[in-house]
Amino acid sequence: MSYDKLFAPGKPGEVIVGSVASIEDGTAHLADGRTLAYDWLVLATGTLWEGPLALPQDRERAREWINDWHAKLAEAKDIVIIGGGAVGIEFSGEIRHFLSPDKRITIVHSQDQLLNAAYPPKYRNSILKAAEAKGINVVLNDRAAPPQGDYTSIRTENGVEIPADLVITVRGGKLNTAFLSSFDSTILTTSGSVKVLPTLQVPLTNGKSNVFAIGDIIEWPQQKMVSKVPTQASVVVANILSAVKGAPMKQQYKGFMEAISVPLGPEGGRSFIPVLWGVIVGDFFTSTLKGKALFVDQGRRGYIAPQLR
């Protein structure tokens, strides 16, 4: 993903690639020793994943990581996916479509249906049936830990023995907020999310109002999805612009509907739209909306300034 068109010509702005090691009032300290002063700070550090999604930040190492996982997937015959959320389901569908249909794929999920209770049982059952129709085995109400060393199977907590020569863990990410504890530990919940006001300001103990947070890391009663970020960003931008002009910050985030689209490969899946009685749509809609390209084109477009599109 290129950042060279993020800012339009003649517009102030700079992209600095690096990792923030710590923050103090007015200054961000990068892991490589650089420091950046700020008047306004927006925290959008997202989620750290395990398994195949734990991509290295270095470009070449990331390429090697992806190629290694491609090789593992191609060689494996019995693949177990630990975690039956949207990521685990999508993984299973991509593997089934792009690799051999003879591969045995099993999802192990801790709840009594796939996904979680944010979505109605009818939709969750629909995605289960769609997965099973593609030959994906699903073990519910059970857990498993990634095996250590060499293995040919895994045993779940309920004692189910599942053949496995490759285990993929996608049990949900870890919020990337640990570095904030030295900045102001009171802004973090016990789960590591960042407390925010409806204006998406972070309530600092020093009383300042120049720090905001958006994305996965905020403490908000909603599912964590990138589709919610543009609305959150618009709230933050409007409030910062108001404050710069000396006006009160009035824009508030009011949440976002819990729609979801879960492809099972590029040609299938199920989507849920929470309107009327709750609308469930199938393969064609899900494929057209997301499955064919997984929002990659929209993502790239988002990194190009509107004036340059």
C-alpha atoms as a PDB file:
ATOM      1  CA  MET A   1       0.000   0.000   0.000  1.00  0.00           C
ATOM      2  CA  SER A   2       1.606   3.261  -1.116  1.00  0.00           C
ATOM      3  CA  TYR A   3       1.466   6.500   0.864  1.00  0.00           C
ATOM      4  CA  ASP A   4       2.953   8.754  -1.825  1.00  0.00           C
ATOM      5  CA  LYS A   5      -0.428  10.211  -2.815  1.00  0.00           C
ATOM      6  CA  LEU A   6      -1.901  10.566   0.654  1.00  0.00           C
ATOM      7  CA  PHE A   7      -1.531  14.358   0.554  1.00  0.00           C
ATOM      8  CA  ALA A   8      -2.392  16.509  -2.465  1.00  0.00           C
ATOM      9  CA  PRO A   9       0.389  18.668  -3.972  1.00  0.00           C
ATOM     10  CA  GLY A  10       0.768  21.941  -2.137  1.00  0.00           C
ATOM     11  CA  LYS A  11      -1.045  20.656   0.945  1.00  0.00           C
ATOM     12  CA  PRO A  12       0.892  20.399   4.217  1.00  0.00           C
ATOM     13  CA  GLY A  13       1.479  16.886   5.363  1.00  0.00           C
ATOM     14  CA  GLU A  14       4.163  14.259   5.853  1.00  0.00           C
ATOM     15  CA  VAL A  15       4.073  10.508   6.224  1.00  0.00           C
ATOM     16  CA  ILE A  16       6.596   9.127   8.704  1.00  0.00           C
ATOM     17  CA  VAL A  17       6.992   5.360   8.799  1.00  0.00           C
ATOM     18  CA  GLY A  18       7.864   4.110  12.257  1.00  0.00           C
ATOM     19  CA  SER A  19       6.605   2.637  15.515  1.00  0.00           C
ATOM     20  CA  VAL A  20       5.649   4.719  18.523  1.00  0.00           C
ATOM     21  CA  ALA A  21       7.354   3.396  21.645  1.00  0.00           C
ATOM     22  CA  SER A  22       5.859   5.862  24.123  1.00  0.00           C
ATOM     23  CA  ILE A  23       3.948   9.107  24.423  1.00  0.00           C
ATOM     24  CA  GLU A  24       4.177  12.000  26.830  1.00  0.00           C
ATOM     25  CA  ASP A  25       2.305  15.270  26.872  1.00  0.00           C
ATOM     26  CA  GLY A  26       3.040  16.934  23.546  1.00  0.00           C
ATOM     27  CA  THR A  27       5.601  14.408  22.295  1.00  0.00           C
ATOM     28  CA  ALA A  28       5.579  10.985  20.662  1.00  0.00           C
ATOM     29  CA  HIS A  29       8.772   8.927  20.974  1.00  0.00           C
ATOM     30  CA  LEU A  30       9.484   6.524  18.116  1.00  0.00           C
ATOM     31  CA  ALA A  31      11.215   3.185  18.535  1.00  0.00           C
ATOM     32  CA  ASP A  32      14.154   4.359  16.409  1.00  0.00           C
ATOM     33  CA  GLY A  33      14.848   7.298  18.732  1.00  0.00           C
ATOM     34  CA  ARG A  34      13.111  10.054  16.797  1.00  0.00           C
ATOM     35  CA  THR A  35      10.641  12.343  18.554  1.00  0.00           C
ATOM     36  CA  LEU A  36       7.606  14.082  17.115  1.00  0.00           C
ATOM     37  CA  ALA A  37       5.944  17.056  18.747  1.00  0.00           C
ATOM     38  CA  TYR A  38       2.167  17.325  18.551  1.00  0.00           C
ATOM     39  CA  ASP A  39      -0.566  19.821  19.287  1.00  0.00           C
ATOM     40  CA  TRP A  40      -3.292  17.303  18.465  1.00  0.00           C
ATOM     41  CA  LEU A  41      -2.948  13.552  18.718  1.00  0.00           C
ATOM     42  CA  VAL A  42      -5.205  10.880  17.206  1.00  0.00           C
ATOM     43  CA  LEU A  43      -4.655   7.336  18.452  1.00  0.00           C
ATOM     44  CA  ALA A  44      -5.498   4.740  15.794  1.00  0.00           C
ATOM     45  CA  THR A  45      -3.093   1.913  16.570  1.00  0.00           C
ATOM     46  CA  GLY A  46      -5.493  -0.945  15.873  1.00  0.00           C
ATOM     47  CA  THR A  47      -5.113  -4.617  16.667  1.00  0.00           C
ATOM     48  CA  LEU A  48      -2.198  -7.037  16.787  1.00  0.00           C
ATOM     49  CA  TRP A  49      -3.011 -10.470  15.379  1.00  0.00           C
ATOM     50  CA  GLU A  50      -1.556 -13.920  15.763  1.00  0.00           C
ATOM     51  CA  GLY A  51      -1.011 -16.592  13.159  1.00  0.00           C
ATOM     52  CA  PRO A  52      -0.831 -15.682   9.462  1.00  0.00           C
ATOM     53  CA  LEU A  53      -2.019 -12.130  10.151  1.00  0.00           C
ATOM     54  CA  ALA A  54       0.971 -11.324  12.364  1.00  0.00           C
ATOM     55  CA  LEU A  55       2.707  -9.672   9.426  1.00  0.00           C
ATOM     56  CA  PRO A  56       6.205  -8.264   9.984  1.00  0.00           C
ATOM     57  CA  GLN A  57       6.399  -4.512   9.404  1.00  0.00           C
ATOM     58  CA  ASP A  58       9.427  -4.754   7.129  1.00  0.00           C
ATOM     59  CA  ARG A  59       8.331  -5.072   3.487  1.00  0.00           C
ATOM     60  CA  GLU A  60      10.720  -7.847   2.487  1.00  0.00           C
ATOM     61  CA  ARG A  61      10.112  -9.825   5.669  1.00  0.00           C
ATOM     62  CA  ALA A  62       6.367  -9.458   5.087  1.00  0.00           C
ATOM     63  CA  ARG A  63       6.761 -10.891   1.565  1.00  0.00           C
ATOM     64  CA  GLU A  64       8.706 -13.838   2.975  1.00  0.00           C
ATOM     65  CA  TRP A  65       6.043 -14.349   5.653  1.00  0.00           C
ATOM     66  CA  ILE A  66       3.258 -14.452   3.063  1.00  0.00           C
ATOM     67  CA  ASN A  67       5.192 -16.804   0.794  1.00  0.00           C
ATOM     68  CA  ASP A  68       5.933 -19.107   3.740  1.00  0.00           C
ATOM     69  CA  TRP A  69       2.254 -19.283   4.639  1.00  0.00           C
ATOM     70  CA  HIS A  70       1.293 -19.909   1.022  1.00  0.00           C
ATOM     71  CA  ALA A  71       3.684 -22.863   1.013  1.00  0.00           C
ATOM     72  CA  LYS A  72       2.349 -24.212   4.320  1.00  0.00           C
ATOM     73  CA  LEU A  73      -1.238 -24.000   3.094  1.00  0.00           C
ATOM     74  CA  ALA A  74      -0.422 -25.653  -0.219  1.00  0.00           C
ATOM     75  CA  GLU A  75       1.330 -28.562   1.491  1.00  0.00           C
ATOM     76  CA  ALA A  76      -1.150 -29.144   4.321  1.00  0.00           C
ATOM     77  CA  LYS A  77      -3.870 -31.772   4.046  1.00  0.00           C
ATOM     78  CA  ASP A  78      -5.628 -31.338   7.414  1.00  0.00           C
ATOM     79  CA  ILE A  79      -6.074 -27.678   8.358  1.00  0.00           C
ATOM     80  CA  VAL A  80      -7.572 -26.637  11.684  1.00  0.00           C
ATOM     81  CA  ILE A  81      -8.643 -23.038  12.207  1.00  0.00           C
ATOM     82  CA  ILE A  82      -8.979 -22.017  15.855  1.00  0.00           C
ATOM     83  CA  GLY A  83     -11.561 -19.248  15.998  1.00  0.00           C
ATOM     84  CA  GLY A  84     -14.907 -19.047  14.241  1.00  0.00           C
ATOM     85  CA  GLY A  85     -15.298 -15.316  13.959  1.00  0.00           C
ATOM     86  CA  ALA A  86     -15.417 -13.507  10.636  1.00  0.00           C
ATOM     87  CA  VAL A  87     -11.659 -13.896  10.063  1.00  0.00           C
ATOM     88  CA  GLY A  88     -11.658 -17.642  10.683  1.00  0.00           C
ATOM     89  CA  ILE A  89     -14.682 -18.170   8.450  1.00  0.00           C
ATOM     90  CA  GLU A  90     -13.170 -16.108   5.635  1.00  0.00           C
ATOM     91  CA  PHE A  91      -9.885 -18.017   5.931  1.00  0.00           C
ATOM     92  CA  SER A  92     -11.718 -21.307   5.558  1.00  0.00           C
ATOM     93  CA  GLY A  93     -13.556 -20.100   2.457  1.00  0.00           C
ATOM     94  CA  GLU A  94     -10.414 -18.777   0.776  1.00  0.00           C
ATOM     95  CA  ILE A  95      -8.547 -22.014   1.458  1.00  0.00           C
ATOM     96  CA  ARG A  96     -11.411 -24.096   0.128  1.00  0.00           C
ATOM     97  CA  HIS A  97     -11.731 -22.043  -3.074  1.00  0.00           C
ATOM     98  CA  PHE A  98      -8.102 -21.455  -4.024  1.00  0.00           C
ATOM     99  CA  LEU A  99      -6.505 -24.684  -2.831  1.00  0.00           C
ATOM    100  CA  SER A 100      -7.401 -28.328  -3.303  1.00  0.00           C
ATOM    101  CA  PRO A 101     -11.034 -29.225  -2.610  1.00  0.00           C
ATOM    102  CA  ASP A 102      -9.698 -32.402  -1.004  1.00  0.00           C
ATOM    103  CA  LYS A 103      -8.117 -30.550   1.916  1.00  0.00           C
ATOM    104  CA  ARG A 104      -9.886 -31.221   5.199  1.00  0.00           C
ATOM    105  CA  ILE A 105     -10.726 -27.948   6.932  1.00  0.00           C
ATOM    106  CA  THR A 106     -12.051 -27.720  10.484  1.00  0.00           C
ATOM    107  CA  ILE A 107     -13.074 -24.623  12.445  1.00  0.00           C
ATOM    108  CA  VAL A 108     -13.046 -24.847  16.251  1.00  0.00           C
ATOM    109  CA  HIS A 109     -15.189 -22.163  17.902  1.00  0.00           C
ATOM    110  CA  SER A 110     -15.915 -21.584  21.580  1.00  0.00           C
ATOM    111  CA  GLN A 111     -19.538 -20.474  21.176  1.00  0.00           C
ATOM    112  CA  ASP A 112     -22.683 -22.409  20.268  1.00  0.00           C
ATOM    113  CA  GLN A 113     -22.824 -20.726  16.844  1.00  0.00           C
ATOM    114  CA  LEU A 114     -20.258 -19.099  14.556  1.00  0.00           C
ATOM    115  CA  LEU A 115     -19.499 -15.375  15.028  1.00  0.00           C
ATOM    116  CA  ASN A 116     -20.881 -13.880  18.261  1.00  0.00           C
ATOM    117  CA  ALA A 117     -24.107 -12.684  19.852  1.00  0.00           C
ATOM    118  CA  ALA A 118     -23.907  -9.262  18.187  1.00  0.00           C
ATOM    119  CA  TYR A 119     -25.644 -10.956  15.258  1.00  0.00           C
ATOM    120  CA  PRO A 120     -28.989 -12.772  15.312  1.00  0.00           C
ATOM    121  CA  PRO A 121     -29.068 -16.581  15.564  1.00  0.00           C
ATOM    122  CA  LYS A 122     -30.741 -16.869  12.157  1.00  0.00           C
ATOM    123  CA  TYR A 123     -27.788 -15.193  10.442  1.00  0.00           C
ATOM    124  CA  ARG A 124     -25.231 -17.147  12.427  1.00  0.00           C
ATOM    125  CA  ASN A 125     -26.954 -20.395  11.503  1.00  0.00           C
ATOM    126  CA  SER A 126     -27.049 -19.306   7.859  1.00  0.00           C
ATOM    127  CA  ILE A 127     -23.285 -18.796   7.702  1.00  0.00           C
ATOM    128  CA  LEU A 128     -22.774 -22.142   9.454  1.00  0.00           C
ATOM    129  CA  LYS A 129     -24.864 -23.941   6.852  1.00  0.00           C
ATOM    130  CA  ALA A 130     -23.045 -22.134   4.047  1.00  0.00           C
ATOM    131  CA  ALA A 131     -19.659 -23.210   5.458  1.00  0.00           C
ATOM    132  CA  GLU A 132     -20.762 -26.809   5.894  1.00  0.00           C
ATOM    133  CA  ALA A 133     -22.086 -26.829   2.325  1.00  0.00           C
ATOM    134  CA  LYS A 134     -18.521 -26.132   1.192  1.00  0.00           C
ATOM    135  CA  GLY A 135     -17.246 -29.150   3.094  1.00  0.00           C
ATOM    136  CA  ILE A 136     -15.915 -27.193   6.075  1.00  0.00           C
ATOM    137  CA  ASN A 137     -16.265 -29.050   9.367  1.00  0.00           C
ATOM    138  CA  VAL A 138     -17.273 -26.904  12.352  1.00  0.00           C
ATOM    139  CA  VAL A 139     -16.763 -27.855  16.015  1.00  0.00           C
ATOM    140  CA  LEU A 140     -18.786 -25.600  18.312  1.00  0.00           C
ATOM    141  CA  ASN A 141     -18.805 -25.052  22.084  1.00  0.00           C
ATOM    142  CA  ASP A 142     -15.181 -26.133  22.280  1.00  0.00           C
ATOM    143  CA  ARG A 143     -11.695 -24.672  22.461  1.00  0.00           C
ATOM    144  CA  ALA A 144      -8.231 -25.702  21.375  1.00  0.00           C
ATOM    145  CA  ALA A 145      -4.742 -24.390  21.907  1.00  0.00           C
ATOM    146  CA  PRO A 146      -2.055 -24.256  19.213  1.00  0.00           C
ATOM    147  CA  PRO A 147       0.088 -27.402  19.530  1.00  0.00           C
ATOM    148  CA  GLN A 148       3.761 -27.181  20.392  1.00  0.00           C
ATOM    149  CA  GLY A 149       6.450 -28.921  18.355  1.00  0.00           C
ATOM    150  CA  ASP A 150       5.614 -31.496  15.709  1.00  0.00           C
ATOM    151  CA  TYR A 151       2.025 -32.711  15.548  1.00  0.00           C
ATOM    152  CA  THR A 152      -0.377 -34.759  13.457  1.00  0.00           C
ATOM    153  CA  SER A 153      -3.524 -33.846  15.381  1.00  0.00           C
ATOM    154  CA  ILE A 154      -4.860 -31.588  18.110  1.00  0.00           C
ATOM    155  CA  ARG A 155      -7.113 -32.387  21.051  1.00  0.00           C
ATOM    156  CA  THR A 156      -9.795 -29.915  22.062  1.00  0.00           C
ATOM    157  CA  GLU A 157     -10.737 -29.105  25.644  1.00  0.00           C
ATOM    158  CA  ASN A 158     -13.732 -31.418  25.274  1.00  0.00           C
ATOM    159  CA  GLY A 159     -11.466 -34.263  24.212  1.00  0.00           C
ATOM    160  CA  VAL A 160     -12.174 -34.214  20.481  1.00  0.00           C
ATOM    161  CA  GLU A 161      -9.180 -35.467  18.476  1.00  0.00           C
ATOM    162  CA  ILE A 162      -8.864 -33.653  15.137  1.00  0.00           C
ATOM    163  CA  PRO A 163      -6.278 -34.604  12.488  1.00  0.00           C
ATOM    164  CA  ALA A 164      -4.074 -31.591  11.803  1.00  0.00           C
ATOM    165  CA  ASP A 165      -0.856 -30.916   9.969  1.00  0.00           C
ATOM    166  CA  LEU A 166      -1.447 -27.141  10.003  1.00  0.00           C
ATOM    167  CA  VAL A 167      -3.142 -25.085  12.717  1.00  0.00           C
ATOM    168  CA  ILE A 168      -4.170 -21.481  12.111  1.00  0.00           C
ATOM    169  CA  THR A 169      -5.025 -19.356  15.130  1.00  0.00           C
ATOM    170  CA  VAL A 170      -7.422 -16.454  14.599  1.00  0.00           C
ATOM    171  CA  ARG A 171      -9.023 -16.171  18.027  1.00  0.00           C
ATOM    172  CA  GLY A 172      -9.323 -12.403  17.918  1.00  0.00           C
ATOM    173  CA  GLY A 173      -6.619  -9.781  18.039  1.00  0.00           C
ATOM    174  CA  LYS A 174      -4.931  -8.009  20.918  1.00  0.00           C
ATOM    175  CA  LEU A 175      -5.431  -4.264  21.142  1.00  0.00           C
ATOM    176  CA  ASN A 176      -2.226  -2.377  20.361  1.00  0.00           C
ATOM    177  CA  THR A 177      -2.350  -0.044  23.356  1.00  0.00           C
ATOM    178  CA  ALA A 178       0.219  -1.327  25.852  1.00  0.00           C
ATOM    179  CA  PHE A 179       2.520   1.611  25.080  1.00  0.00           C
ATOM    180  CA  LEU A 180      -0.122   4.017  26.407  1.00  0.00           C
ATOM    181  CA  SER A 181       0.083   2.835  30.015  1.00  0.00           C
ATOM    182  CA  SER A 182       3.077   5.078  30.707  1.00  0.00           C
ATOM    183  CA  PHE A 183       1.278   8.047  29.135  1.00  0.00           C
ATOM    184  CA  ASP A 184      -1.906   7.892  31.207  1.00  0.00           C
ATOM    185  CA  SER A 185      -2.922   4.512  32.600  1.00  0.00           C
ATOM    186  CA  THR A 186      -6.385   5.772  33.569  1.00  0.00           C
ATOM    187  CA  ILE A 187      -7.465   5.951  29.934  1.00  0.00           C
ATOM    188  CA  LEU A 188      -7.163   2.176  29.507  1.00  0.00           C
ATOM    189  CA  THR A 189      -9.784  -0.376  30.492  1.00  0.00           C
ATOM    190  CA  THR A 190      -8.850  -3.771  31.908  1.00  0.00           C
ATOM    191  CA  SER A 191      -9.145  -5.211  28.377  1.00  0.00           C
ATOM    192  CA  GLY A 192      -6.734  -2.590  27.016  1.00  0.00           C
ATOM    193  CA  SER A 193      -9.234  -0.480  25.107  1.00  0.00           C
ATOM    194  CA  VAL A 194      -9.070   3.318  25.248  1.00  0.00           C
ATOM    195  CA  LYS A 195     -11.841   5.233  26.986  1.00  0.00           C
ATOM    196  CA  VAL A 196     -13.405   7.952  24.871  1.00  0.00           C
ATOM    197  CA  LEU A 197     -16.107  10.590  25.177  1.00  0.00           C
ATOM    198  CA  PRO A 198     -18.850  10.844  22.519  1.00  0.00           C
ATOM    199  CA  THR A 199     -16.630  13.459  20.837  1.00  0.00           C
ATOM    200  CA  LEU A 200     -14.004  10.675  20.635  1.00  0.00           C
ATOM    201  CA  GLN A 201     -11.728  12.694  22.910  1.00  0.00           C
ATOM    202  CA  VAL A 202      -9.698  10.713  25.404  1.00  0.00           C
ATOM    203  CA  PRO A 203     -10.411  11.838  29.009  1.00  0.00           C
ATOM    204  CA  LEU A 204      -6.883  12.575  30.225  1.00  0.00           C
ATOM    205  CA  THR A 205      -6.110  13.043  33.904  1.00  0.00           C
ATOM    206  CA  ASN A 206      -4.248  16.277  33.103  1.00  0.00           C
ATOM    207  CA  GLY A 207      -7.527  17.772  31.875  1.00  0.00           C
ATOM    208  CA  LYS A 208      -6.316  18.444  28.347  1.00  0.00           C
ATOM    209  CA  SER A 209      -8.641  17.795  25.419  1.00  0.00           C
ATOM    210  CA  ASN A 210      -6.181  17.401  22.542  1.00  0.00           C
ATOM    211  CA  VAL A 211      -6.038  13.611  22.313  1.00  0.00           C
ATOM    212  CA  PHE A 212      -8.563  11.529  20.346  1.00  0.00           C
ATOM    213  CA  ALA A 213      -8.914   7.842  19.545  1.00  0.00           C
ATOM    214  CA  ILE A 214     -10.611   5.904  16.741  1.00  0.00           C
ATOM    215  CA  GLY A 215     -10.806   2.388  15.364  1.00  0.00           C
ATOM    216  CA  ASP A 216     -10.477  -0.954  17.106  1.00  0.00           C
ATOM    217  CA  ILE A 217      -8.903   0.478  20.239  1.00  0.00           C
ATOM    218  CA  ILE A 218     -11.816   2.579  21.473  1.00  0.00           C
ATOM    219  CA  GLU A 219     -14.075   1.397  24.275  1.00  0.00           C
ATOM    220  CA  TRP A 220     -17.451   1.435  22.552  1.00  0.00           C
ATOM    221  CA  PRO A 221     -20.308  -1.079  22.537  1.00  0.00           C
ATOM    222  CA  GLN A 222     -19.873  -2.209  18.945  1.00  0.00           C
ATOM    223  CA  GLN A 223     -18.070  -4.756  16.808  1.00  0.00           C
ATOM    224  CA  LYS A 224     -14.615  -3.752  15.636  1.00  0.00           C
ATOM    225  CA  MET A 225     -14.700  -3.184  11.881  1.00  0.00           C
ATOM    226  CA  VAL A 226     -12.867  -0.903   9.504  1.00  0.00           C
ATOM    227  CA  SER A 227     -16.205   0.193   8.019  1.00  0.00           C
ATOM    228  CA  LYS A 228     -16.847   2.235  11.152  1.00  0.00           C
ATOM    229  CA  VAL A 229     -13.605   4.225  10.940  1.00  0.00           C
ATOM    230  CA  PRO A 230     -14.606   6.804   8.272  1.00  0.00           C
ATOM    231  CA  THR A 231     -17.531   7.933  10.445  1.00  0.00           C
ATOM    232  CA  GLN A 232     -15.286   8.133  13.499  1.00  0.00           C
ATOM    233  CA  ALA A 233     -12.618  10.029  11.557  1.00  0.00           C
ATOM    234  CA  SER A 234     -15.148  12.581  10.340  1.00  0.00           C
ATOM    235  CA  VAL A 235     -16.137  13.273  13.953  1.00  0.00           C
ATOM    236  CA  VAL A 236     -12.514  13.766  15.009  1.00  0.00           C
ATOM    237  CA  VAL A 237     -11.644  16.006  12.046  1.00  0.00           C
ATOM    238  CA  ALA A 238     -14.685  18.196  12.596  1.00  0.00           C
ATOM    239  CA  ASN A 239     -13.909  18.579  16.290  1.00  0.00           C
ATOM    240  CA  ILE A 240     -10.238  19.410  15.783  1.00  0.00           C
ATOM    241  CA  LEU A 241     -11.103  22.014  13.138  1.00  0.00           C
ATOM    242  CA  SER A 242     -13.661  23.547  15.488  1.00  0.00           C
ATOM    243  CA  ALA A 243     -11.146  23.687  18.343  1.00  0.00           C
ATOM    244  CA  VAL A 244      -8.481  25.271  16.125  1.00  0.00           C
ATOM    245  CA  LYS A 245     -10.995  28.009  15.283  1.00  0.00           C
ATOM    246  CA  GLY A 246     -11.816  28.508  18.956  1.00  0.00           C
ATOM    247  CA  ALA A 247     -15.265  26.961  18.646  1.00  0.00           C
ATOM    248  CA  PRO A 248     -16.685  24.203  20.867  1.00  0.00           C
ATOM    249  CA  MET A 249     -16.319  20.590  19.784  1.00  0.00           C
ATOM    250  CA  LYS A 250     -19.887  19.500  19.104  1.00  0.00           C
ATOM    251  CA  GLN A 251     -19.598  16.531  16.769  1.00  0.00           C
ATOM    252  CA  GLN A 252     -20.399  13.250  18.500  1.00  0.00           C
ATOM    253  CA  TYR A 253     -20.015   9.647  17.484  1.00  0.00           C
ATOM    254  CA  LYS A 254     -23.297   7.786  17.827  1.00  0.00           C
ATOM    255  CA  GLY A 255     -22.216   4.350  16.754  1.00  0.00           C
ATOM    256  CA  PHE A 256     -22.750   2.513  13.517  1.00  0.00           C
ATOM    257  CA  MET A 257     -25.151  -0.221  12.451  1.00  0.00           C
ATOM    258  CA  GLU A 258     -23.870  -3.751  12.897  1.00  0.00           C
ATOM    259  CA  ALA A 259     -23.935  -4.859   9.284  1.00  0.00           C
ATOM    260  CA  ILE A 260     -21.497  -7.578   8.272  1.00  0.00           C
ATOM    261  CA  SER A 261     -20.397  -9.370   5.132  1.00  0.00           C
ATOM    262  CA  VAL A 262     -18.555 -12.679   5.497  1.00  0.00           C
ATOM    263  CA  PRO A 263     -17.361 -14.237   2.218  1.00  0.00           C
ATOM    264  CA  LEU A 264     -16.616 -17.927   1.872  1.00  0.00           C
ATOM    265  CA  GLY A 265     -14.209 -17.484  -0.995  1.00  0.00           C
ATOM    266  CA  PRO A 266     -14.815 -15.094  -3.905  1.00  0.00           C
ATOM    267  CA  GLU A 267     -18.061 -16.765  -4.985  1.00  0.00           C
ATOM    268  CA  GLY A 268     -20.064 -17.212  -1.808  1.00  0.00           C
ATOM    269  CA  GLY A 269     -20.841 -16.233   1.740  1.00  0.00           C
ATOM    270  CA  ARG A 270     -23.529 -14.524   3.763  1.00  0.00           C
ATOM    271  CA  SER A 271     -24.183 -10.889   4.663  1.00  0.00           C
ATOM    272  CA  PHE A 272     -26.448  -9.327   7.270  1.00  0.00           C
ATOM    273  CA  ILE A 273     -28.043  -5.890   7.086  1.00  0.00           C
ATOM    274  CA  PRO A 274     -29.801  -4.769  10.311  1.00  0.00           C
ATOM    275  CA  VAL A 275     -32.762  -3.014   8.687  1.00  0.00           C
ATOM    276  CA  LEU A 276     -36.455  -3.830   9.046  1.00  0.00           C
ATOM    277  CA  TRP A 277     -36.549  -7.352  10.503  1.00  0.00           C
ATOM    278  CA  GLY A 278     -32.899  -7.981   9.667  1.00  0.00           C
ATOM    279  CA  VAL A 279     -32.014  -8.904   6.106  1.00  0.00           C
ATOM    280  CA  ILE A 280     -29.801 -11.906   5.295  1.00  0.00           C
ATOM    281  CA  VAL A 281     -28.400 -12.045   1.771  1.00  0.00           C
ATOM    282  CA  GLY A 282     -26.437 -14.816   0.148  1.00  0.00           C
ATOM    283  CA  ASP A 283     -23.748 -15.742  -2.330  1.00  0.00           C
ATOM    284  CA  PHE A 284     -24.311 -13.244  -5.145  1.00  0.00           C
ATOM    285  CA  PHE A 285     -24.620 -10.155  -2.943  1.00  0.00           C
ATOM    286  CA  THR A 286     -21.734 -11.158  -0.675  1.00  0.00           C
ATOM    287  CA  SER A 287     -19.494 -11.995  -3.614  1.00  0.00           C
ATOM    288  CA  THR A 288     -20.266  -8.735  -5.400  1.00  0.00           C
ATOM    289  CA  LEU A 289     -19.910  -6.602  -2.278  1.00  0.00           C
ATOM    290  CA  LYS A 290     -16.785  -8.117  -0.785  1.00  0.00           C
ATOM    291  CA  GLY A 291     -15.853 -11.636  -1.790  1.00  0.00           C
ATOM    292  CA  LYS A 292     -14.328 -10.932  -5.199  1.00  0.00           C
ATOM    293  CA  ALA A 293     -11.772  -8.371  -4.010  1.00  0.00           C
ATOM    294  CA  LEU A 294     -12.067  -8.206  -0.186  1.00  0.00           C
ATOM    295  CA  PHE A 295     -12.279  -4.388  -0.310  1.00  0.00           C
ATOM    296  CA  VAL A 296      -8.649  -4.147  -1.491  1.00  0.00           C
ATOM    297  CA  ASP A 297      -9.498  -1.620  -4.219  1.00  0.00           C
ATOM    298  CA  GLN A 298     -11.459   0.545  -1.782  1.00  0.00           C
ATOM    299  CA  GLY A 299      -8.577   0.357   0.665  1.00  0.00           C
ATOM    300  CA  ARG A 300      -6.055   1.531  -1.917  1.00  0.00           C
ATOM    301  CA  ARG A 301      -8.374   4.321  -2.979  1.00  0.00           C
ATOM    302  CA  GLY A 302      -8.559   5.508   0.614  1.00  0.00           C
ATOM    303  CA  TYR A 303      -4.817   6.188   0.572  1.00  0.00           C
ATOM    304  CA  ILE A 304      -5.119   8.629  -2.310  1.00  0.00           C
ATOM    305  CA  ALA A 305      -6.036  12.255  -1.697  1.00  0.00           C
ATOM    306  CA  PRO A 306      -9.451  13.123  -3.238  1.00  0.00           C
ATOM    307  CA  GLN A 307      -7.820  15.697  -5.516  1.00  0.00           C
ATOM    308  CA  LEU A 308      -5.623  12.973  -7.058  1.00  0.00           C
ATOM    309  CA  ARG A 309      -8.241  10.291  -7.661  1.00  0.00           C
END
